[in-house]
Protein backbone atom coordinates (compact mmCIF):
# COMPACT_ATOMS: atom_id res chain seq x y z
CA MET A 1 74.93 118.89 97.64
CA THR A 2 77.39 116.67 99.45
CA ALA A 3 78.87 115.50 96.16
CA LEU A 4 79.12 119.07 94.92
CA SER A 5 80.77 120.27 98.10
CA ARG A 6 83.45 117.63 97.68
CA VAL A 7 84.30 118.93 94.20
CA ARG A 8 83.90 122.65 94.90
CA GLU A 9 87.01 124.65 95.80
CA PRO A 10 86.00 127.75 97.87
CA GLU A 11 89.54 129.08 97.52
CA TYR A 12 88.86 129.90 93.83
CA THR A 13 85.06 130.35 93.72
CA GLY A 14 82.44 132.72 95.07
CA GLU A 15 83.97 135.92 96.46
CA ASN A 16 87.43 134.39 95.92
CA ARG A 17 86.92 133.76 92.21
CA CYS A 18 89.76 135.03 90.07
CA TRP A 19 88.03 136.42 87.00
CA PRO A 20 91.20 136.64 84.88
CA CYS A 21 91.75 132.94 85.65
CA THR A 22 88.11 132.14 84.85
CA THR A 23 88.34 134.03 81.55
CA VAL A 24 91.48 132.14 80.52
CA ASN A 25 89.85 128.82 81.31
CA VAL A 26 86.66 129.67 79.38
CA LEU A 27 88.81 130.43 76.35
CA ILE A 28 90.62 127.09 76.84
CA ALA A 29 87.23 125.33 77.01
CA LEU A 30 86.11 126.95 73.75
CA VAL A 31 89.34 125.88 72.05
CA LEU A 32 88.96 122.30 73.34
CA ALA A 33 85.39 122.13 72.10
CA GLY A 34 86.51 123.39 68.70
CA VAL A 35 89.32 120.86 68.53
CA VAL A 36 86.95 117.98 69.39
CA ASP A 37 84.46 119.15 66.76
CA VAL A 38 87.07 119.45 64.01
CA ALA A 39 88.78 116.19 64.96
CA LEU A 40 85.56 114.19 64.83
CA LEU A 41 84.56 115.72 61.53
CA THR A 42 87.91 115.36 59.75
CA LEU A 43 89.60 112.37 61.37
CA ALA A 44 86.71 110.19 62.44
CA ASN A 45 84.31 111.13 59.61
CA ALA A 46 81.58 111.68 62.21
CA SER A 47 78.36 113.41 61.33
CA THR A 48 77.89 117.09 62.17
CA THR A 49 75.31 116.05 64.77
CA VAL A 50 77.69 113.71 66.57
CA ALA A 51 80.62 116.14 66.34
CA GLY A 52 78.47 119.06 67.54
CA GLY A 53 77.07 116.99 70.39
CA ALA A 54 80.55 115.98 71.54
CA ALA A 55 81.76 119.57 71.39
CA LEU A 56 78.73 120.69 73.40
CA LEU A 57 79.43 117.99 75.98
CA VAL A 58 83.01 119.28 76.33
CA LEU A 59 81.69 122.80 76.89
CA VAL A 60 79.17 121.66 79.49
CA VAL A 61 81.71 119.60 81.44
CA SER A 62 84.26 122.42 81.22
CA ALA A 63 81.76 125.02 82.37
CA ALA A 64 80.78 122.82 85.33
CA SER A 65 84.43 122.45 86.32
CA ILE A 66 85.06 126.18 86.07
CA TRP A 67 81.92 126.97 88.06
CA LEU A 68 82.63 124.45 90.81
CA ARG A 69 86.40 124.64 91.01
CA GLY A 70 87.25 128.06 89.52
CA TYR A 71 89.40 126.55 86.80
CA LEU A 72 89.52 123.80 84.15
CA VAL A 73 93.23 123.20 83.75
CA PRO A 74 95.06 122.34 87.03
CA GLY A 75 97.66 124.91 87.97
CA THR A 76 96.00 127.77 86.10
CA PRO A 77 95.42 129.89 89.26
CA THR A 78 99.12 129.70 90.11
CA LEU A 79 100.18 130.50 86.55
CA THR A 80 97.73 133.41 86.40
CA LYS A 81 99.05 134.86 89.67
CA ARG A 82 102.66 134.62 88.55
CA TYR A 83 102.53 135.52 84.86
CA MET A 84 99.34 137.46 84.09
CA PRO A 85 100.48 141.01 83.14
CA GLU A 86 99.30 143.76 85.47
CA SER A 87 97.87 145.57 82.44
CA VAL A 88 95.47 142.63 81.98
CA LEU A 89 94.67 142.40 85.70
CA ARG A 90 93.62 146.07 85.64
CA LEU A 91 90.89 145.21 83.15
CA PHE A 92 89.31 143.05 85.87
CA GLY A 93 89.71 145.60 88.63
CA LYS A 94 92.75 143.86 90.12
CA GLU A 95 95.09 146.83 89.96
CA PRO A 96 96.90 147.31 93.31
CA GLU A 97 95.08 149.80 95.51
CA HIS A 98 96.48 153.27 96.03
CA PRO A 99 97.63 153.57 99.64
CA MET A 100 95.61 156.76 100.06
CA PRO A 101 93.31 158.89 97.90
CA ALA A 102 95.38 161.71 96.39
CA ALA A 103 94.31 165.31 96.67
CA GLY A 104 95.39 167.02 93.48
CA ASP A 105 98.92 166.42 92.17
CA THR A 106 100.94 163.93 94.17
CA ARG A 107 104.23 165.31 95.39
CA GLU A 108 107.20 163.09 94.73
CA VAL A 109 108.95 162.50 98.02
CA ASP A 110 111.90 160.35 99.05
CA PRO A 111 111.06 159.00 102.53
CA GLU A 112 114.67 158.80 103.71
CA THR A 113 115.45 162.36 102.59
CA TYR A 114 112.28 163.69 104.23
CA LEU A 115 112.92 161.84 107.51
CA SER A 116 116.51 163.09 107.55
CA ASP A 117 115.47 166.68 106.91
CA ALA A 118 112.82 166.43 109.63
CA GLY A 119 115.39 165.31 112.20
CA ALA A 120 113.83 161.86 112.55
CA ILE A 121 116.84 159.84 111.36
CA GLU A 122 120.61 160.33 111.24
CA PRO A 123 123.74 158.27 110.47
CA CYS A 124 124.25 155.52 113.04
CA GLU A 125 127.21 155.81 115.37
CA ASP A 126 128.34 152.16 115.26
CA ILE A 127 127.38 150.95 111.75
CA ASP A 128 127.22 152.31 108.21
CA ASP A 129 123.48 152.88 108.20
CA VAL A 130 120.83 155.35 109.35
CA CYS A 131 119.03 155.18 112.68
CA LEU A 132 116.33 157.10 114.51
CA THR A 133 117.49 160.15 116.37
CA GLU A 134 117.13 159.85 120.13
CA SER A 135 114.71 162.78 120.35
CA PHE A 136 112.42 161.44 117.60
CA ALA A 137 112.48 157.90 118.99
CA GLU A 138 111.33 159.24 122.37
CA ARG A 139 108.54 161.30 120.78
CA TRP A 140 107.41 158.34 118.64
CA ASP A 141 107.23 156.13 121.75
CA GLU A 142 105.15 158.77 123.53
CA GLU A 143 102.72 158.95 120.62
CA LEU A 144 102.49 155.17 120.41
CA ALA A 145 101.54 155.01 124.07
CA ALA A 146 98.83 157.62 123.48
CA VAL A 147 97.32 155.92 120.40
CA GLU A 148 95.81 152.61 121.49
CA ASP A 149 92.65 152.35 119.38
CA PRO A 150 92.89 154.53 116.24
CA GLY A 151 89.67 155.41 114.42
CA PRO A 152 88.69 156.89 111.04
CA GLU A 153 89.07 160.48 112.29
CA ASP A 154 92.68 159.73 113.39
CA VAL A 155 93.44 158.49 109.87
CA ARG A 156 91.75 161.47 108.21
CA THR A 157 93.69 163.92 110.40
CA VAL A 158 97.14 162.31 110.10
CA PHE A 159 96.95 161.76 106.33
CA GLY A 160 95.24 165.07 105.58
CA LEU A 161 92.29 163.47 103.81
CA GLY A 162 89.43 165.49 102.34
CA ASP A 163 85.78 165.43 103.27
CA GLY A 164 83.90 162.17 103.08
CA ASP A 165 82.33 159.38 105.06
CA TYR A 166 85.31 157.36 106.35
CA ASP A 167 85.20 153.97 108.05
CA LEU A 168 87.75 151.39 109.16
CA ASP A 169 87.08 147.70 108.52
CA PHE A 170 89.16 145.63 110.96
CA ARG A 171 89.69 142.16 109.50
CA ALA A 172 91.63 139.18 110.74
CA GLU A 173 94.91 140.18 109.08
CA ALA A 174 94.35 143.67 107.70
CA VAL A 175 92.69 147.03 108.24
CA ILE A 176 90.79 148.57 105.32
CA LEU A 177 90.01 152.29 105.09
CA GLU A 178 86.79 152.99 103.22
CA ARG A 179 85.72 156.38 101.89
CA ASP A 180 82.07 156.70 100.90
CA GLY A 181 81.90 152.92 100.67
CA GLN A 182 84.99 152.60 98.43
CA ARG A 183 88.36 151.20 99.46
CA ALA A 184 90.81 154.05 99.97
CA GLY A 185 93.72 152.53 101.89
CA GLU A 186 94.97 149.40 103.61
CA TRP A 187 97.30 148.34 106.40
CA PRO A 188 98.60 144.81 107.07
CA SER A 189 97.49 144.97 110.72
CA ARG A 190 96.00 147.12 113.42
CA THR A 191 99.52 147.53 114.80
CA ALA A 192 100.75 148.96 111.46
CA LEU A 193 97.91 151.48 111.52
CA ARG A 194 98.73 152.42 115.09
CA VAL A 195 102.42 152.86 114.18
CA ASP A 196 101.49 155.13 111.25
CA ILE A 197 99.14 157.31 113.31
CA ALA A 198 101.74 157.75 116.03
CA GLY A 199 104.46 158.38 113.46
CA GLY A 200 102.38 161.02 111.72
CA HIS A 201 101.74 162.85 114.99
CA ALA A 202 105.45 162.72 115.84
CA LEU A 203 106.53 164.04 112.41
CA ALA A 204 103.97 166.84 112.58
CA ALA A 205 105.36 167.81 115.99
CA PHE A 206 108.90 167.95 114.61
CA ASP A 207 108.08 170.00 111.50
CA ARG A 208 104.37 170.87 111.14
CA ASP A 209 104.80 173.03 108.02
CA ALA A 210 106.74 170.37 106.10
CA TRP A 211 104.23 167.68 107.10
CA ALA A 212 101.28 169.89 106.08
CA ALA A 213 102.82 170.42 102.66
CA LEU A 214 102.61 166.69 101.86
CA ASP A 215 99.50 165.23 100.18
CA PRO A 216 97.96 161.97 101.51
CA VAL A 217 99.91 159.68 99.15
CA ALA A 218 103.22 161.34 99.99
CA ARG A 219 102.46 161.04 103.72
CA GLY A 220 101.74 157.36 103.20
CA ARG A 221 105.10 156.86 101.53
CA VAL A 222 106.94 158.66 104.33
CA LEU A 223 105.16 156.65 107.02
CA ASN A 224 105.87 153.39 105.16
CA GLY A 225 109.53 154.37 105.20
CA LEU A 226 109.36 155.22 108.88
CA ARG A 227 108.00 151.77 109.78
CA VAL A 228 111.31 150.30 108.65
CA PHE A 229 112.96 151.91 111.67
CA LEU A 230 110.58 150.39 114.23
CA GLU A 231 112.71 148.31 116.59
CA GLU A 232 110.11 147.35 119.19
CA CYS A 233 106.40 146.75 118.64
CA PRO A 234 103.77 148.52 120.76
CA ASP A 235 103.12 145.24 122.60
CA GLY A 236 106.76 145.16 123.66
CA GLY A 237 107.92 142.40 121.31
CA ALA A 238 110.86 142.64 118.94
CA VAL A 239 110.46 143.27 115.21
CA GLU A 240 111.56 140.40 112.95
CA MET A 241 112.37 140.54 109.24
CA LYS A 242 111.71 137.67 106.82
CA GLU A 243 110.99 136.97 103.17
CA GLU A 244 107.82 135.23 102.03
CA THR A 245 105.29 134.95 99.22
CA VAL A 246 101.99 136.81 99.49
CA GLU A 247 99.02 135.48 97.53
CA SER A 248 95.61 136.89 96.65
CA CYS A 249 92.95 135.46 94.33
CA CYS A 250 94.71 136.74 91.24
CA ASN A 251 98.25 137.60 92.17
CA ALA A 252 101.31 136.32 93.99
CA TYR A 253 104.54 138.13 94.74
CA ASP A 254 107.56 137.98 97.06
CA VAL A 255 107.82 140.46 99.93
CA VAL A 256 110.17 141.37 102.72
CA ALA A 257 108.00 141.47 105.83
CA LEU A 258 108.50 143.08 109.23
CA THR A 259 106.52 141.21 111.89
CA CYS A 260 106.05 141.59 115.64
CA ALA A 261 107.65 138.52 117.19
CA GLU A 262 105.20 138.12 120.05
CA SER A 263 101.85 139.04 118.49
CA GLY A 264 102.59 138.00 114.92
CA ASP A 265 101.17 141.32 113.66
CA ARG A 266 102.54 142.39 110.28
CA VAL A 267 104.09 145.87 110.42
CA LEU A 268 105.29 146.23 106.84
CA GLU A 269 105.29 144.38 103.54
CA GLN A 270 107.78 145.57 100.97
CA ARG A 271 107.41 143.99 97.54
CA VAL A 272 110.59 142.52 96.09
CA SER A 273 111.14 143.32 92.42
């Protein structure tokens, strides 16, 4: 077991196994075995028994490498993350999660337009940009102070979710919303969830009818847009912006991230095209 543990790579095996990557490597192993078989038969004039045995040995060694390490050819996980089409990833259940379960037809909404119409943002006085209105910033701060430990019912209320058994899974670097045991939404941190809950309450207070008219997905888009305007984190630290690469078992992409300087909590990840 000690020898196996030295070879095994947990990053690409077990729960972290990238099945698209594994599939690609299995196909590579089959091709290699076929090449060895044909080469021995045609170039080395080997018997079918010898050629077949060599091809089988290649398959066994390749399968062991894929099982223990998650790949056969070095660099395949990185190439799969970068260049595997999303249409192929969907076949393996790796399609990006919807931010919220939609209820009926999803209303198309432009977050900036909605926030402007709601009186949450306005043109800045000193720069050519948009800023929070003073009244909305004050209300948002009040709601943030009132929401310290959001739960599933807070999420269901703010996003207007339908009936179901909801639960929040608080992980080291993310918060997962589950509905009847299935993933229904995700936030990069507990702070991001808290910011969304407070923002939803504030927007509902400013224009309850307009907020009620939005379905869960549209509300998620608006609240994502609102997070961009967060200047100070709930813990009192400043919000910093930086670019970085985010990786999962089967994907890698560049994002612009908003992070709380003091706590390190991620507030927003915006994928860069």
